[in-house]
Structures are given as C-alpha cells and as structure tokens.
Amino acid sequence: TQNITDPTIGNEVLDLMAGGQSASDALNSVMDQRPYAEYRQVAVVDLSSRTAHFSGQEVLAIHAVSEGQHCVGAGNLLS
C-alpha cells in the first residue's frame, strides 16, 4: 500500500487471497470497507499472476498504474 498508507490493508488482502480469493476480489473486499479509502493506493498480484489495483480519488498529485503480464506497478507524487 502507498500514498497515505494503512499497513493493515496488505495483510488483510493477503489473508483473503490465502483463503482462495482472486487479487481483484480480495482487494475489492478490503477497500469497500476501508475508512479513508479515497486516500489509498494499492497494487496486488496473486499466485495465479492475476493483478488488481486501487487508486482512490484523493491520491496525492500525479498518480498512475500500469499492468503487464504477471505484474503491476503504481506510483504517486509523480512529476
């Protein structure tokens, strides 16, 4: 997780994926319940190489996400 981070998001997403959820389902489950989600930026790759990402509407400055085969990259405060 990054931007204005909440370190608990990563562990919760990982726990859901360990229970069989896809990267996208796990990330959506966590972010749908997360306070201040609009300030968060999260990128995830699961064991099947499926990617997911979330960038809230209040992420600081210029931000972007790029997905590739088996990878995802995210950045904020980019210039």
C-alpha atoms as a PDB file:
ATOM      1  CA  THR A   1       0.000   0.000   0.000  1.00  0.00           C
ATOM      2  CA  GLN A   2       1.113   3.555  -0.581  1.00  0.00           C
ATOM      3  CA  ASN A   3       0.195   7.234  -0.716  1.00  0.00           C
ATOM      4  CA  ILE A   4      -1.423   7.884   2.678  1.00  0.00           C
ATOM      5  CA  THR A   5      -0.926   4.299   3.701  1.00  0.00           C
ATOM      6  CA  ASP A   6      -2.684   1.905   6.041  1.00  0.00           C
ATOM      7  CA  PRO A   7      -0.307  -1.020   6.650  1.00  0.00           C
ATOM      8  CA  THR A   8      -3.151  -3.334   7.674  1.00  0.00           C
ATOM      9  CA  ILE A   9      -4.586  -3.358   4.133  1.00  0.00           C
ATOM     10  CA  GLY A  10      -1.799  -5.574   2.770  1.00  0.00           C
ATOM     11  CA  ASN A  11      -2.200  -8.248   5.430  1.00  0.00           C
ATOM     12  CA  GLU A  12      -5.971  -8.341   5.025  1.00  0.00           C
ATOM     13  CA  VAL A  13      -5.716  -8.695   1.238  1.00  0.00           C
ATOM     14  CA  LEU A  14      -3.080 -11.434   1.600  1.00  0.00           C
ATOM     15  CA  ASP A  15      -5.253 -13.320   4.104  1.00  0.00           C
ATOM     16  CA  LEU A  16      -8.218 -13.264   1.714  1.00  0.00           C
ATOM     17  CA  MET A  17      -6.069 -14.452  -1.188  1.00  0.00           C
ATOM     18  CA  ALA A  18      -4.668 -17.246   1.001  1.00  0.00           C
ATOM     19  CA  GLY A  19      -8.303 -18.257   1.526  1.00  0.00           C
ATOM     20  CA  GLY A  20      -8.792 -18.579  -2.225  1.00  0.00           C
ATOM     21  CA  GLN A  21      -9.978 -15.155  -3.376  1.00  0.00           C
ATOM     22  CA  SER A  22      -8.513 -13.601  -6.513  1.00  0.00           C
ATOM     23  CA  ALA A  23      -6.419 -10.447  -6.276  1.00  0.00           C
ATOM     24  CA  SER A  24      -9.342  -8.370  -7.526  1.00  0.00           C
ATOM     25  CA  ASP A  25     -11.946  -9.898  -5.210  1.00  0.00           C
ATOM     26  CA  ALA A  26      -9.676  -9.649  -2.176  1.00  0.00           C
ATOM     27  CA  LEU A  27      -8.725  -6.049  -2.881  1.00  0.00           C
ATOM     28  CA  ASN A  28     -12.333  -5.011  -3.516  1.00  0.00           C
ATOM     29  CA  SER A  29     -13.500  -6.733  -0.316  1.00  0.00           C
ATOM     30  CA  VAL A  30     -10.968  -4.842   1.775  1.00  0.00           C
ATOM     31  CA  MET A  31     -11.246  -1.443   0.102  1.00  0.00           C
ATOM     32  CA  ASP A  32     -15.067  -1.460   0.126  1.00  0.00           C
ATOM     33  CA  GLN A  33     -14.943  -1.496   3.951  1.00  0.00           C
ATOM     34  CA  ARG A  34     -11.894   0.692   4.493  1.00  0.00           C
ATOM     35  CA  PRO A  35     -12.240   4.175   6.004  1.00  0.00           C
ATOM     36  CA  TYR A  36     -10.425   6.863   4.026  1.00  0.00           C
ATOM     37  CA  ALA A  37     -10.065   4.532   1.026  1.00  0.00           C
ATOM     38  CA  GLU A  38     -10.061   7.592  -1.211  1.00  0.00           C
ATOM     39  CA  TYR A  39      -6.522   8.379   0.039  1.00  0.00           C
ATOM     40  CA  ARG A  40      -5.083   4.897  -0.594  1.00  0.00           C
ATOM     41  CA  GLN A  41      -3.201   3.348  -3.487  1.00  0.00           C
ATOM     42  CA  VAL A  42      -2.766  -0.437  -3.531  1.00  0.00           C
ATOM     43  CA  ALA A  43      -1.380  -2.896  -6.103  1.00  0.00           C
ATOM     44  CA  VAL A  44      -1.718  -6.685  -5.834  1.00  0.00           C
ATOM     45  CA  VAL A  45      -0.568  -9.804  -7.719  1.00  0.00           C
ATOM     46  CA  ASP A  46      -1.966 -13.183  -6.658  1.00  0.00           C
ATOM     47  CA  LEU A  47      -0.422 -16.653  -7.002  1.00  0.00           C
ATOM     48  CA  SER A  48      -2.116 -17.115 -10.382  1.00  0.00           C
ATOM     49  CA  SER A  49      -0.433 -13.893 -11.614  1.00  0.00           C
ATOM     50  CA  ARG A  50      -3.752 -12.019 -11.711  1.00  0.00           C
ATOM     51  CA  THR A  51      -3.345  -8.352 -10.902  1.00  0.00           C
ATOM     52  CA  ALA A  52      -5.528  -5.759  -9.234  1.00  0.00           C
ATOM     53  CA  HIS A  53      -5.066  -2.158  -8.234  1.00  0.00           C
ATOM     54  CA  PHE A  54      -6.893   0.620  -6.461  1.00  0.00           C
ATOM     55  CA  SER A  55      -6.206   4.342  -6.546  1.00  0.00           C
ATOM     56  CA  GLY A  56      -8.573   6.480  -4.502  1.00  0.00           C
ATOM     57  CA  GLN A  57      -9.896   9.795  -5.777  1.00  0.00           C
ATOM     58  CA  GLU A  58      -7.812  11.750  -3.245  1.00  0.00           C
ATOM     59  CA  VAL A  59      -4.421  10.152  -4.021  1.00  0.00           C
ATOM     60  CA  LEU A  60      -1.867  12.947  -3.936  1.00  0.00           C
ATOM     61  CA  ALA A  61      -0.649  14.742  -7.048  1.00  0.00           C
ATOM     62  CA  ILE A  62       0.011  12.946 -10.320  1.00  0.00           C
ATOM     63  CA  HIS A  63      -0.506   9.196  -9.947  1.00  0.00           C
ATOM     64  CA  ALA A  64      -0.613   6.247 -12.310  1.00  0.00           C
ATOM     65  CA  VAL A  65      -0.867   2.471 -12.510  1.00  0.00           C
ATOM     66  CA  SER A  66       0.469   0.179 -15.208  1.00  0.00           C
ATOM     67  CA  GLU A  67      -0.298  -3.519 -15.565  1.00  0.00           C
ATOM     68  CA  GLY A  68       1.730  -6.032 -17.516  1.00  0.00           C
ATOM     69  CA  GLN A  69       1.874  -9.779 -17.805  1.00  0.00           C
ATOM     70  CA  HIS A  70       2.273 -11.077 -14.232  1.00  0.00           C
ATOM     71  CA  CYS A  71       2.998  -7.587 -12.812  1.00  0.00           C
ATOM     72  CA  VAL A  72       1.510  -4.276 -11.749  1.00  0.00           C
ATOM     73  CA  GLY A  73       3.256  -1.036 -10.826  1.00  0.00           C
ATOM     74  CA  ALA A  74       1.780   2.006  -9.110  1.00  0.00           C
ATOM     75  CA  GLY A  75       3.137   5.424  -8.294  1.00  0.00           C
ATOM     76  CA  ASN A  76       2.009   8.698  -6.790  1.00  0.00           C
ATOM     77  CA  LEU A  77       3.562  12.132  -6.343  1.00  0.00           C
ATOM     78  CA  LEU A  78       4.976  11.607  -9.823  1.00  0.00           C
ATOM     79  CA  SER A  79       6.401  14.527 -11.744  1.00  0.00           C
END
